Amino acid sequence: MFRRRGRDWDVAWVYGAARRAAADDHGARDAAKAALATGAERPACMVAAVRKALAEAPCTPLDALPLAEREAIGLAQILSLDVDAIAAEIGCDRADVKARMRAGLARLAPRVADMPVV
């Protein structure tokens, strides 16, 4: 299998992460573009893109949550970040991240119970 490296390949990864977090292609494109403009490495760009998409054009059902809860759940689900990594990214402690996730998941439970399984 071919392994591509470099900035062109990073665009696909960063946009893909942003697209999972955003409600539409426009929001994902804006988030990815802003994240890539920082010049950071791919993992940092992916985090920045997801955070921007969740803040400005969040996907359903995360759009029903306050930003703090949305970010904690989104970073865990979209990028598979653990509690310590999320705490470092958003600038709070582990207990706050866990509380945000717990509150957000409790708030989402009734909403996602009615969603069809794909």
PDB file of N, CA and C in Angstrom:
ATOM      1  N   MET A   1       0.839  -1.172   0.000  1.00  0.00           N
ATOM      2  CA  MET A   1       0.000   0.000   0.000  1.00  0.00           C
ATOM      3  C   MET A   1       0.892   1.246   0.000  1.00  0.00           C
ATOM      4  N   PHE A   2       0.487   2.240  -0.742  1.00  0.00           N
ATOM      5  CA  PHE A   2       1.259   3.471  -0.820  1.00  0.00           C
ATOM      6  C   PHE A   2       0.975   4.347   0.385  1.00  0.00           C
ATOM      7  N   ARG A   3       1.996   4.950   0.886  1.00  0.00           N
ATOM      8  CA  ARG A   3       1.835   5.903   1.984  1.00  0.00           C
ATOM      9  C   ARG A   3       2.195   7.277   1.460  1.00  0.00           C
ATOM     10  N   ARG A   4       1.251   8.154   1.495  1.00  0.00           N
ATOM     11  CA  ARG A   4       1.505   9.519   1.048  1.00  0.00           C
ATOM     12  C   ARG A   4       1.801  10.388   2.259  1.00  0.00           C
ATOM     13  N   ARG A   5       2.692  11.274   2.064  1.00  0.00           N
ATOM     14  CA  ARG A   5       3.038  12.216   3.125  1.00  0.00           C
ATOM     15  C   ARG A   5       3.056  13.617   2.529  1.00  0.00           C
ATOM     16  N   GLY A   6       2.943  14.575   3.392  1.00  0.00           N
ATOM     17  CA  GLY A   6       3.028  15.939   2.916  1.00  0.00           C
ATOM     18  C   GLY A   6       1.733  16.687   3.056  1.00  0.00           C
ATOM     19  N   ARG A   7       1.797  17.955   2.765  1.00  0.00           N
ATOM     20  CA  ARG A   7       0.675  18.864   2.989  1.00  0.00           C
ATOM     21  C   ARG A   7      -0.561  18.512   2.167  1.00  0.00           C
ATOM     22  N   ASP A   8      -0.392  18.054   0.920  1.00  0.00           N
ATOM     23  CA  ASP A   8      -1.551  17.716   0.100  1.00  0.00           C
ATOM     24  C   ASP A   8      -2.360  16.583   0.723  1.00  0.00           C
ATOM     25  N   TRP A   9      -1.674  15.631   1.268  1.00  0.00           N
ATOM     26  CA  TRP A   9      -2.361  14.493   1.888  1.00  0.00           C
ATOM     27  C   TRP A   9      -3.038  14.934   3.186  1.00  0.00           C
ATOM     28  N   ASP A  10      -2.435  15.874   3.901  1.00  0.00           N
ATOM     29  CA  ASP A  10      -3.015  16.379   5.144  1.00  0.00           C
ATOM     30  C   ASP A  10      -4.377  17.021   4.904  1.00  0.00           C
ATOM     31  N   VAL A  11      -4.547  17.655   3.771  1.00  0.00           N
ATOM     32  CA  VAL A  11      -5.813  18.330   3.466  1.00  0.00           C
ATOM     33  C   VAL A  11      -6.977  17.340   3.542  1.00  0.00           C
ATOM     34  N   ALA A  12      -6.798  16.169   2.991  1.00  0.00           N
ATOM     35  CA  ALA A  12      -7.865  15.168   3.007  1.00  0.00           C
ATOM     36  C   ALA A  12      -8.206  14.736   4.436  1.00  0.00           C
ATOM     37  N   TRP A  13      -7.210  14.526   5.240  1.00  0.00           N
ATOM     38  CA  TRP A  13      -7.431  14.122   6.632  1.00  0.00           C
ATOM     39  C   TRP A  13      -8.129  15.228   7.422  1.00  0.00           C
ATOM     40  N   VAL A  14      -7.660  16.436   7.278  1.00  0.00           N
ATOM     41  CA  VAL A  14      -8.223  17.556   8.033  1.00  0.00           C
ATOM     42  C   VAL A  14      -9.652  17.830   7.571  1.00  0.00           C
ATOM     43  N   TYR A  15      -9.881  17.833   6.267  1.00  0.00           N
ATOM     44  CA  TYR A  15     -11.234  18.059   5.761  1.00  0.00           C
ATOM     45  C   TYR A  15     -12.165  16.930   6.214  1.00  0.00           C
ATOM     46  N   GLY A  16     -11.689  15.705   6.175  1.00  0.00           N
ATOM     47  CA  GLY A  16     -12.510  14.571   6.609  1.00  0.00           C
ATOM     48  C   GLY A  16     -12.951  14.703   8.056  1.00  0.00           C
ATOM     49  N   ALA A  17     -12.042  15.124   8.918  1.00  0.00           N
ATOM     50  CA  ALA A  17     -12.388  15.321  10.327  1.00  0.00           C
ATOM     51  C   ALA A  17     -13.401  16.457  10.463  1.00  0.00           C
ATOM     52  N   ALA A  18     -13.164  17.539   9.748  1.00  0.00           N
ATOM     53  CA  ALA A  18     -14.082  18.684   9.811  1.00  0.00           C
ATOM     54  C   ALA A  18     -15.458  18.304   9.279  1.00  0.00           C
ATOM     55  N   ARG A  19     -15.498  17.486   8.247  1.00  0.00           N
ATOM     56  CA  ARG A  19     -16.793  17.097   7.651  1.00  0.00           C
ATOM     57  C   ARG A  19     -17.630  16.274   8.614  1.00  0.00           C
ATOM     58  N   ARG A  20     -16.972  15.445   9.433  1.00  0.00           N
ATOM     59  CA  ARG A  20     -17.711  14.663  10.423  1.00  0.00           C
ATOM     60  C   ARG A  20     -18.304  15.560  11.500  1.00  0.00           C
ATOM     61  N   ALA A  21     -17.665  16.693  11.758  1.00  0.00           N
ATOM     62  CA  ALA A  21     -18.134  17.594  12.808  1.00  0.00           C
ATOM     63  C   ALA A  21     -19.127  18.634  12.302  1.00  0.00           C
ATOM     64  N   ALA A  22     -19.069  18.949  11.022  1.00  0.00           N
ATOM     65  CA  ALA A  22     -19.871  20.042  10.474  1.00  0.00           C
ATOM     66  C   ALA A  22     -21.218  19.574   9.931  1.00  0.00           C
ATOM     67  N   ALA A  23     -22.140  20.506   9.908  1.00  0.00           N
ATOM     68  CA  ALA A  23     -23.475  20.221   9.395  1.00  0.00           C
ATOM     69  C   ALA A  23     -23.503  20.117   7.879  1.00  0.00           C
ATOM     70  N   ASP A  24     -22.543  20.760   7.202  1.00  0.00           N
ATOM     71  CA  ASP A  24     -22.556  20.757   5.741  1.00  0.00           C
ATOM     72  C   ASP A  24     -21.146  20.932   5.194  1.00  0.00           C
ATOM     73  N   ASP A  25     -21.030  20.805   3.881  1.00  0.00           N
ATOM     74  CA  ASP A  25     -19.729  20.918   3.222  1.00  0.00           C
ATOM     75  C   ASP A  25     -19.114  22.305   3.388  1.00  0.00           C
ATOM     76  N   HIS A  26     -19.952  23.323   3.359  1.00  0.00           N
ATOM     77  CA  HIS A  26     -19.450  24.693   3.487  1.00  0.00           C
ATOM     78  C   HIS A  26     -18.786  24.902   4.853  1.00  0.00           C
ATOM     79  N   GLY A  27     -19.448  24.458   5.908  1.00  0.00           N
ATOM     80  CA  GLY A  27     -18.882  24.580   7.250  1.00  0.00           C
ATOM     81  C   GLY A  27     -17.600  23.791   7.399  1.00  0.00           C
ATOM     82  N   ALA A  28     -17.564  22.610   6.804  1.00  0.00           N
ATOM     83  CA  ALA A  28     -16.358  21.770   6.864  1.00  0.00           C
ATOM     84  C   ALA A  28     -15.215  22.420   6.103  1.00  0.00           C
ATOM     85  N   ARG A  29     -15.518  22.968   4.944  1.00  0.00           N
ATOM     86  CA  ARG A  29     -14.478  23.616   4.138  1.00  0.00           C
ATOM     87  C   ARG A  29     -13.881  24.815   4.871  1.00  0.00           C
ATOM     88  N   ASP A  30     -14.733  25.628   5.468  1.00  0.00           N
ATOM     89  CA  ASP A  30     -14.249  26.790   6.208  1.00  0.00           C
ATOM     90  C   ASP A  30     -13.391  26.370   7.401  1.00  0.00           C
ATOM     91  N   ALA A  31     -13.835  25.351   8.111  1.00  0.00           N
ATOM     92  CA  ALA A  31     -13.092  24.880   9.283  1.00  0.00           C
ATOM     93  C   ALA A  31     -11.741  24.301   8.880  1.00  0.00           C
ATOM     94  N   ALA A  32     -11.730  23.495   7.833  1.00  0.00           N
ATOM     95  CA  ALA A  32     -10.478  22.886   7.375  1.00  0.00           C
ATOM     96  C   ALA A  32      -9.516  23.947   6.858  1.00  0.00           C
ATOM     97  N   LYS A  33     -10.032  24.892   6.107  1.00  0.00           N
ATOM     98  CA  LYS A  33      -9.199  25.958   5.549  1.00  0.00           C
ATOM     99  C   LYS A  33      -8.539  26.768   6.668  1.00  0.00           C
ATOM    100  N   ALA A  34      -9.303  27.128   7.687  1.00  0.00           N
ATOM    101  CA  ALA A  34      -8.761  27.898   8.807  1.00  0.00           C
ATOM    102  C   ALA A  34      -7.725  27.091   9.577  1.00  0.00           C
ATOM    103  N   ALA A  35      -7.988  25.811   9.775  1.00  0.00           N
ATOM    104  CA  ALA A  35      -7.055  24.963  10.516  1.00  0.00           C
ATOM    105  C   ALA A  35      -5.754  24.770   9.751  1.00  0.00           C
ATOM    106  N   LEU A  36      -5.842  24.526   8.465  1.00  0.00           N
ATOM    107  CA  LEU A  36      -4.640  24.322   7.655  1.00  0.00           C
ATOM    108  C   LEU A  36      -3.819  25.602   7.536  1.00  0.00           C
ATOM    109  N   ALA A  37      -4.467  26.748   7.611  1.00  0.00           N
ATOM    110  CA  ALA A  37      -3.760  28.022   7.514  1.00  0.00           C
ATOM    111  C   ALA A  37      -2.814  28.260   8.689  1.00  0.00           C
ATOM    112  N   THR A  38      -3.014  27.523   9.785  1.00  0.00           N
ATOM    113  CA  THR A  38      -2.142  27.700  10.947  1.00  0.00           C
ATOM    114  C   THR A  38      -0.749  27.139  10.688  1.00  0.00           C
ATOM    115  N   GLY A  39      -0.632  26.205   9.738  1.00  0.00           N
ATOM    116  CA  GLY A  39       0.657  25.603   9.436  1.00  0.00           C
ATOM    117  C   GLY A  39       1.080  24.539  10.425  1.00  0.00           C
ATOM    118  N   ALA A  40       0.203  24.156  11.318  1.00  0.00           N
ATOM    119  CA  ALA A  40       0.517  23.131  12.323  1.00  0.00           C
ATOM    120  C   ALA A  40       0.577  21.743  11.677  1.00  0.00           C
ATOM    121  N   GLU A  41       1.036  20.789  12.434  1.00  0.00           N
ATOM    122  CA  GLU A  41       1.065  19.401  11.973  1.00  0.00           C
ATOM    123  C   GLU A  41      -0.357  18.864  11.856  1.00  0.00           C
ATOM    124  N   ARG A  42      -0.494  17.743  11.138  1.00  0.00           N
ATOM    125  CA  ARG A  42      -1.818  17.186  10.863  1.00  0.00           C
ATOM    126  C   ARG A  42      -2.676  16.979  12.109  1.00  0.00           C
ATOM    127  N   PRO A  43      -2.189  16.338  13.191  1.00  0.00           N
ATOM    128  CA  PRO A  43      -3.073  16.126  14.345  1.00  0.00           C
ATOM    129  C   PRO A  43      -3.618  17.431  14.929  1.00  0.00           C
ATOM    130  N   ALA A  44      -2.775  18.437  15.038  1.00  0.00           N
ATOM    131  CA  ALA A  44      -3.221  19.728  15.571  1.00  0.00           C
ATOM    132  C   ALA A  44      -4.214  20.394  14.630  1.00  0.00           C
ATOM    133  N   CYS A  45      -3.990  20.265  13.334  1.00  0.00           N
ATOM    134  CA  CYS A  45      -4.938  20.820  12.356  1.00  0.00           C
ATOM    135  C   CYS A  45      -6.277  20.110  12.439  1.00  0.00           C
ATOM    136  N   MET A  46      -6.261  18.810  12.640  1.00  0.00           N
ATOM    137  CA  MET A  46      -7.514  18.065  12.740  1.00  0.00           C
ATOM    138  C   MET A  46      -8.301  18.516  13.968  1.00  0.00           C
ATOM    139  N   VAL A  47      -7.621  18.689  15.088  1.00  0.00           N
ATOM    140  CA  VAL A  47      -8.292  19.167  16.302  1.00  0.00           C
ATOM    141  C   VAL A  47      -8.859  20.562  16.061  1.00  0.00           C
ATOM    142  N   ALA A  48      -8.075  21.446  15.473  1.00  0.00           N
ATOM    143  CA  ALA A  48      -8.536  22.813  15.216  1.00  0.00           C
ATOM    144  C   ALA A  48      -9.740  22.825  14.279  1.00  0.00           C
ATOM    145  N   ALA A  49      -9.704  21.996  13.253  1.00  0.00           N
ATOM    146  CA  ALA A  49     -10.818  21.944  12.296  1.00  0.00           C
ATOM    147  C   ALA A  49     -12.090  21.435  12.955  1.00  0.00           C
ATOM    148  N   VAL A  50     -11.971  20.399  13.754  1.00  0.00           N
ATOM    149  CA  VAL A  50     -13.145  19.852  14.440  1.00  0.00           C
ATOM    150  C   VAL A  50     -13.709  20.874  15.417  1.00  0.00           C
ATOM    151  N   ARG A  51     -12.839  21.511  16.177  1.00  0.00           N
ATOM    152  CA  ARG A  51     -13.308  22.510  17.141  1.00  0.00           C
ATOM    153  C   ARG A  51     -14.018  23.671  16.435  1.00  0.00           C
ATOM    154  N   LYS A  52     -13.460  24.134  15.323  1.00  0.00           N
ATOM    155  CA  LYS A  52     -14.086  25.249  14.596  1.00  0.00           C
ATOM    156  C   LYS A  52     -15.432  24.821  14.008  1.00  0.00           C
ATOM    157  N   ALA A  53     -15.481  23.640  13.424  1.00  0.00           N
ATOM    158  CA  ALA A  53     -16.742  23.155  12.857  1.00  0.00           C
ATOM    159  C   ALA A  53     -17.805  22.988  13.944  1.00  0.00           C
ATOM    160  N   LEU A  54     -17.410  22.444  15.083  1.00  0.00           N
ATOM    161  CA  LEU A  54     -18.363  22.261  16.179  1.00  0.00           C
ATOM    162  C   LEU A  54     -18.842  23.595  16.745  1.00  0.00           C
ATOM    163  N   ALA A  55     -17.986  24.605  16.692  1.00  0.00           N
ATOM    164  CA  ALA A  55     -18.357  25.918  17.216  1.00  0.00           C
ATOM    165  C   ALA A  55     -19.250  26.699  16.255  1.00  0.00           C
ATOM    166  N   GLU A  56     -18.990  26.564  14.948  1.00  0.00           N
ATOM    167  CA  GLU A  56     -19.678  27.425  13.980  1.00  0.00           C
ATOM    168  C   GLU A  56     -20.764  26.754  13.149  1.00  0.00           C
ATOM    169  N   ALA A  57     -20.625  25.470  12.888  1.00  0.00           N
ATOM    170  CA  ALA A  57     -21.606  24.775  12.045  1.00  0.00           C
ATOM    171  C   ALA A  57     -21.716  23.313  12.475  1.00  0.00           C
ATOM    172  N   PRO A  58     -22.159  23.060  13.704  1.00  0.00           N
ATOM    173  CA  PRO A  58     -22.147  21.691  14.216  1.00  0.00           C
ATOM    174  C   PRO A  58     -23.162  20.766  13.551  1.00  0.00           C
ATOM    175  N   CYS A  59     -22.768  19.514  13.487  1.00  0.00           N
ATOM    176  CA  CYS A  59     -23.633  18.491  12.903  1.00  0.00           C
ATOM    177  C   CYS A  59     -24.764  18.120  13.863  1.00  0.00           C
ATOM    178  N   THR A  60     -25.749  17.463  13.324  1.00  0.00           N
ATOM    179  CA  THR A  60     -26.836  16.915  14.118  1.00  0.00           C
ATOM    180  C   THR A  60     -26.345  15.598  14.702  1.00  0.00           C
ATOM    181  N   PRO A  61     -26.581  15.254  15.893  1.00  0.00           N
ATOM    182  CA  PRO A  61     -27.375  15.888  16.942  1.00  0.00           C
ATOM    183  C   PRO A  61     -26.572  16.796  17.867  1.00  0.00           C
ATOM    184  N   LEU A  62     -25.269  16.961  17.601  1.00  0.00           N
ATOM    185  CA  LEU A  62     -24.446  17.773  18.498  1.00  0.00           C
ATOM    186  C   LEU A  62     -24.860  19.235  18.514  1.00  0.00           C
ATOM    187  N   ASP A  63     -25.577  19.674  17.500  1.00  0.00           N
ATOM    188  CA  ASP A  63     -26.026  21.068  17.450  1.00  0.00           C
ATOM    189  C   ASP A  63     -26.979  21.427  18.586  1.00  0.00           C
ATOM    190  N   ALA A  64     -27.538  20.424  19.253  1.00  0.00           N
ATOM    191  CA  ALA A  64     -28.474  20.666  20.353  1.00  0.00           C
ATOM    192  C   ALA A  64     -27.761  20.932  21.678  1.00  0.00           C
ATOM    193  N   LEU A  65     -26.444  20.787  21.701  1.00  0.00           N
ATOM    194  CA  LEU A  65     -25.695  20.920  22.947  1.00  0.00           C
ATOM    195  C   LEU A  65     -25.005  22.267  23.070  1.00  0.00           C
ATOM    196  N   PRO A  66     -24.764  22.698  24.308  1.00  0.00           N
ATOM    197  CA  PRO A  66     -23.906  23.870  24.511  1.00  0.00           C
ATOM    198  C   PRO A  66     -22.497  23.547  24.012  1.00  0.00           C
ATOM    199  N   LEU A  67     -21.752  24.566  23.637  1.00  0.00           N
ATOM    200  CA  LEU A  67     -20.437  24.363  23.041  1.00  0.00           C
ATOM    201  C   LEU A  67     -19.503  23.508  23.901  1.00  0.00           C
ATOM    202  N   ALA A  68     -19.461  23.728  25.191  1.00  0.00           N
ATOM    203  CA  ALA A  68     -18.537  22.982  26.051  1.00  0.00           C
ATOM    204  C   ALA A  68     -18.808  21.480  25.990  1.00  0.00           C
ATOM    205  N   GLU A  69     -20.069  21.109  26.027  1.00  0.00           N
ATOM    206  CA  GLU A  69     -20.441  19.692  25.955  1.00  0.00           C
ATOM    207  C   GLU A  69     -20.199  19.148  24.548  1.00  0.00           C
ATOM    208  N   ARG A  70     -20.533  19.948  23.558  1.00  0.00           N
ATOM    209  CA  ARG A  70     -20.356  19.564  22.159  1.00  0.00           C
ATOM    210  C   ARG A  70     -18.894  19.279  21.843  1.00  0.00           C
ATOM    211  N   GLU A  71     -18.005  20.143  22.315  1.00  0.00           N
ATOM    212  CA  GLU A  71     -16.574  19.954  22.066  1.00  0.00           C
ATOM    213  C   GLU A  71     -16.055  18.681  22.714  1.00  0.00           C
ATOM    214  N   ALA A  72     -16.396  18.463  23.963  1.00  0.00           N
ATOM    215  CA  ALA A  72     -15.900  17.280  24.671  1.00  0.00           C
ATOM    216  C   ALA A  72     -16.351  15.998  23.977  1.00  0.00           C
ATOM    217  N   ILE A  73     -17.617  15.922  23.641  1.00  0.00           N
ATOM    218  CA  ILE A  73     -18.139  14.719  22.982  1.00  0.00           C
ATOM    219  C   ILE A  73     -17.606  14.610  21.562  1.00  0.00           C
ATOM    220  N   GLY A  74     -17.577  15.710  20.843  1.00  0.00           N
ATOM    221  CA  GLY A  74     -17.099  15.692  19.461  1.00  0.00           C
ATOM    222  C   GLY A  74     -15.653  15.267  19.334  1.00  0.00           C
ATOM    223  N   LEU A  75     -14.777  15.799  20.171  1.00  0.00           N
ATOM    224  CA  LEU A  75     -13.361  15.425  20.106  1.00  0.00           C
ATOM    225  C   LEU A  75     -13.162  13.952  20.445  1.00  0.00           C
ATOM    226  N   ALA A  76     -13.963  13.448  21.371  1.00  0.00           N
ATOM    227  CA  ALA A  76     -13.863  12.029  21.723  1.00  0.00           C
ATOM    228  C   ALA A  76     -14.385  11.140  20.594  1.00  0.00           C
ATOM    229  N   GLN A  77     -15.532  11.475  20.054  1.00  0.00           N
ATOM    230  CA  GLN A  77     -16.155  10.626  19.044  1.00  0.00           C
ATOM    231  C   GLN A  77     -15.533  10.766  17.660  1.00  0.00           C
ATOM    232  N   ILE A  78     -15.184  11.950  17.271  1.00  0.00           N
ATOM    233  CA  ILE A  78     -14.690  12.174  15.916  1.00  0.00           C
ATOM    234  C   ILE A  78     -13.208  11.867  15.793  1.00  0.00           C
ATOM    235  N   LEU A  79     -12.422  12.281  16.792  1.00  0.00           N
ATOM    236  CA  LEU A  79     -10.969  12.093  16.708  1.00  0.00           C
ATOM    237  C   LEU A  79     -10.433  11.029  17.658  1.00  0.00           C
ATOM    238  N   SER A  80     -11.315  10.417  18.421  1.00  0.00           N
ATOM    239  CA  SER A  80     -10.927   9.366  19.382  1.00  0.00           C
ATOM    240  C   SER A  80      -9.908   9.862  20.412  1.00  0.00           C
ATOM    241  N   LEU A  81     -10.026  11.119  20.804  1.00  0.00           N
ATOM    242  CA  LEU A  81      -9.141  11.638  21.841  1.00  0.00           C
ATOM    243  C   LEU A  81      -9.605  11.135  23.197  1.00  0.00           C
ATOM    244  N   ASP A  82      -8.645  10.861  24.073  1.00  0.00           N
ATOM    245  CA  ASP A  82      -9.013  10.441  25.422  1.00  0.00           C
ATOM    246  C   ASP A  82      -9.249  11.675  26.303  1.00  0.00           C
ATOM    247  N   VAL A  83      -9.687  11.436  27.523  1.00  0.00           N
ATOM    248  CA  VAL A  83     -10.051  12.525  28.421  1.00  0.00           C
ATOM    249  C   VAL A  83      -8.875  13.467  28.666  1.00  0.00           C
ATOM    250  N   ASP A  84      -7.674  12.917  28.855  1.00  0.00           N
ATOM    251  CA  ASP A  84      -6.504  13.759  29.099  1.00  0.00           C
ATOM    252  C   ASP A  84      -6.191  14.646  27.895  1.00  0.00           C
ATOM    253  N   ALA A  85      -6.277  14.089  26.700  1.00  0.00           N
ATOM    254  CA  ALA A  85      -6.000  14.870  25.489  1.00  0.00           C
ATOM    255  C   ALA A  85      -7.048  15.963  25.291  1.00  0.00           C
ATOM    256  N   ILE A  86      -8.297  15.636  25.558  1.00  0.00           N
ATOM    257  CA  ILE A  86      -9.357  16.641  25.432  1.00  0.00           C
ATOM    258  C   ILE A  86      -9.142  17.755  26.443  1.00  0.00           C
ATOM    259  N   ALA A  87      -8.810  17.393  27.670  1.00  0.00           N
ATOM    260  CA  ALA A  87      -8.555  18.398  28.711  1.00  0.00           C
ATOM    261  C   ALA A  87      -7.423  19.335  28.294  1.00  0.00           C
ATOM    262  N   ALA A  88      -6.371  18.772  27.724  1.00  0.00           N
ATOM    263  CA  ALA A  88      -5.247  19.598  27.273  1.00  0.00           C
ATOM    264  C   ALA A  88      -5.662  20.528  26.133  1.00  0.00           C
ATOM    265  N   GLU A  89      -6.463  20.029  25.212  1.00  0.00           N
ATOM    266  CA  GLU A  89      -6.883  20.834  24.060  1.00  0.00           C
ATOM    267  C   GLU A  89      -7.809  21.982  24.444  1.00  0.00           C
ATOM    268  N   ILE A  90      -8.752  21.718  25.335  1.00  0.00           N
ATOM    269  CA  ILE A  90      -9.732  22.761  25.649  1.00  0.00           C
ATOM    270  C   ILE A  90      -9.377  23.552  26.901  1.00  0.00           C
ATOM    271  N   GLY A  91      -8.299  23.154  27.578  1.00  0.00           N
ATOM    272  CA  GLY A  91      -7.799  23.935  28.704  1.00  0.00           C
ATOM    273  C   GLY A  91      -8.583  23.804  29.989  1.00  0.00           C
ATOM    274  N   CYS A  92      -8.953  22.592  30.332  1.00  0.00           N
ATOM    275  CA  CYS A  92      -9.620  22.370  31.615  1.00  0.00           C
ATOM    276  C   CYS A  92      -9.100  21.058  32.202  1.00  0.00           C
ATOM    277  N   ASP A  93      -9.581  20.696  33.362  1.00  0.00           N
ATOM    278  CA  ASP A  93      -9.092  19.448  33.949  1.00  0.00           C
ATOM    279  C   ASP A  93      -9.965  18.261  33.562  1.00  0.00           C
ATOM    280  N   ARG A  94      -9.473  17.067  33.898  1.00  0.00           N
ATOM    281  CA  ARG A  94     -10.150  15.818  33.526  1.00  0.00           C
ATOM    282  C   ARG A  94     -11.583  15.764  34.043  1.00  0.00           C
ATOM    283  N   ALA A  95     -11.763  16.198  35.294  1.00  0.00           N
ATOM    284  CA  ALA A  95     -13.093  16.145  35.899  1.00  0.00           C
ATOM    285  C   ALA A  95     -14.088  16.996  35.120  1.00  0.00           C
ATOM    286  N   ASP A  96     -13.649  18.149  34.659  1.00  0.00           N
ATOM    287  CA  ASP A  96     -14.534  19.012  33.859  1.00  0.00           C
ATOM    288  C   ASP A  96     -14.901  18.349  32.539  1.00  0.00           C
ATOM    289  N   VAL A  97     -13.932  17.709  31.892  1.00  0.00           N
ATOM    290  CA  VAL A  97     -14.210  17.022  30.630  1.00  0.00           C
ATOM    291  C   VAL A  97     -15.234  15.918  30.857  1.00  0.00           C
ATOM    292  N   LYS A  98     -15.028  15.130  31.889  1.00  0.00           N
ATOM    293  CA  LYS A  98     -15.969  14.040  32.180  1.00  0.00           C
ATOM    294  C   LYS A  98     -17.362  14.573  32.499  1.00  0.00           C
ATOM    295  N   ALA A  99     -17.427  15.654  33.251  1.00  0.00           N
ATOM    296  CA  ALA A  99     -18.731  16.244  33.582  1.00  0.00           C
ATOM    297  C   ALA A  99     -19.427  16.770  32.332  1.00  0.00           C
ATOM    298  N   ARG A 100     -18.662  17.398  31.444  1.00  0.00           N
ATOM    299  CA  ARG A 100     -19.238  17.897  30.188  1.00  0.00           C
ATOM    300  C   ARG A 100     -19.762  16.756  29.331  1.00  0.00           C
ATOM    301  N   MET A 101     -18.984  15.680  29.263  1.00  0.00           N
ATOM    302  CA  MET A 101     -19.418  14.531  28.461  1.00  0.00           C
ATOM    303  C   MET A 101     -20.667  13.890  29.052  1.00  0.00           C
ATOM    304  N   ARG A 102     -20.670  13.725  30.361  1.00  0.00           N
ATOM    305  CA  ARG A 102     -21.817  13.120  31.030  1.00  0.00           C
ATOM    306  C   ARG A 102     -23.074  13.954  30.814  1.00  0.00           C
ATOM    307  N   ALA A 103     -22.958  15.257  30.999  1.00  0.00           N
ATOM    308  CA  ALA A 103     -24.114  16.144  30.821  1.00  0.00           C
ATOM    309  C   ALA A 103     -24.595  16.137  29.370  1.00  0.00           C
ATOM    310  N   GLY A 104     -23.655  16.192  28.446  1.00  0.00           N
ATOM    311  CA  GLY A 104     -24.022  16.195  27.029  1.00  0.00           C
ATOM    312  C   GLY A 104     -24.688  14.904  26.595  1.00  0.00           C
ATOM    313  N   LEU A 105     -24.146  13.784  27.039  1.00  0.00           N
ATOM    314  CA  LEU A 105     -24.742  12.496  26.672  1.00  0.00           C
ATOM    315  C   LEU A 105     -26.132  12.345  27.281  1.00  0.00           C
ATOM    316  N   ALA A 106     -26.312  12.829  28.502  1.00  0.00           N
ATOM    317  CA  ALA A 106     -27.642  12.779  29.122  1.00  0.00           C
ATOM    318  C   ALA A 106     -28.629  13.652  28.344  1.00  0.00           C
ATOM    319  N   ARG A 107     -28.154  14.795  27.882  1.00  0.00           N
ATOM    320  CA  ARG A 107     -29.013  15.702  27.110  1.00  0.00           C
ATOM    321  C   ARG A 107     -29.345  15.108  25.736  1.00  0.00           C
ATOM    322  N   LEU A 108     -28.401  14.361  25.156  1.00  0.00           N
ATOM    323  CA  LEU A 108     -28.614  13.777  23.830  1.00  0.00           C
ATOM    324  C   LEU A 108     -29.467  12.508  23.850  1.00  0.00           C
ATOM    325  N   ALA A 109     -29.471  11.797  24.953  1.00  0.00           N
ATOM    326  CA  ALA A 109     -30.136  10.489  25.015  1.00  0.00           C
ATOM    327  C   ALA A 109     -31.565  10.498  24.486  1.00  0.00           C
ATOM    328  N   PRO A 110     -32.430  11.393  24.931  1.00  0.00           N
ATOM    329  CA  PRO A 110     -33.793  11.381  24.396  1.00  0.00           C
ATOM    330  C   PRO A 110     -33.845  11.718  22.913  1.00  0.00           C
ATOM    331  N   ARG A 111     -32.958  12.572  22.469  1.00  0.00           N
ATOM    332  CA  ARG A 111     -32.967  13.006  21.069  1.00  0.00           C
ATOM    333  C   ARG A 111     -32.526  11.890  20.128  1.00  0.00           C
ATOM    334  N   VAL A 112     -31.478  11.161  20.493  1.00  0.00           N
ATOM    335  CA  VAL A 112     -30.968  10.122  19.596  1.00  0.00           C
ATOM    336  C   VAL A 112     -31.769   8.830  19.698  1.00  0.00           C
ATOM    337  N   ALA A 113     -32.555   8.679  20.735  1.00  0.00           N
ATOM    338  CA  ALA A 113     -33.374   7.467  20.881  1.00  0.00           C
ATOM    339  C   ALA A 113     -34.372   7.350  19.731  1.00  0.00           C
ATOM    340  N   ASP A 114     -34.794   8.485  19.196  1.00  0.00           N
ATOM    341  CA  ASP A 114     -35.788   8.485  18.113  1.00  0.00           C
ATOM    342  C   ASP A 114     -35.179   8.490  16.729  1.00  0.00           C
ATOM    343  N   MET A 115     -33.854   8.530  16.646  1.00  0.00           N
ATOM    344  CA  MET A 115     -33.201   8.580  15.327  1.00  0.00           C
ATOM    345  C   MET A 115     -33.155   7.178  14.723  1.00  0.00           C
ATOM    346  N   PRO A 116     -33.331   7.088  13.415  1.00  0.00           N
ATOM    347  CA  PRO A 116     -33.251   5.773  12.767  1.00  0.00           C
ATOM    348  C   PRO A 116     -31.814   5.252  12.771  1.00  0.00           C
ATOM    349  N   VAL A 117     -31.674   3.957  12.837  1.00  0.00           N
ATOM    350  CA  VAL A 117     -30.369   3.317  12.779  1.00  0.00           C
ATOM    351  C   VAL A 117     -30.016   3.131  11.315  1.00  0.00           C
ATOM    352  N   VAL A 118     -28.822   3.545  10.955  1.00  0.00           N
ATOM    353  CA  VAL A 118     -28.394   3.464   9.559  1.00  0.00           C
ATOM    354  C   VAL A 118     -27.557   2.233   9.357  1.00  0.00           C
TER     355      VAL A 118
END
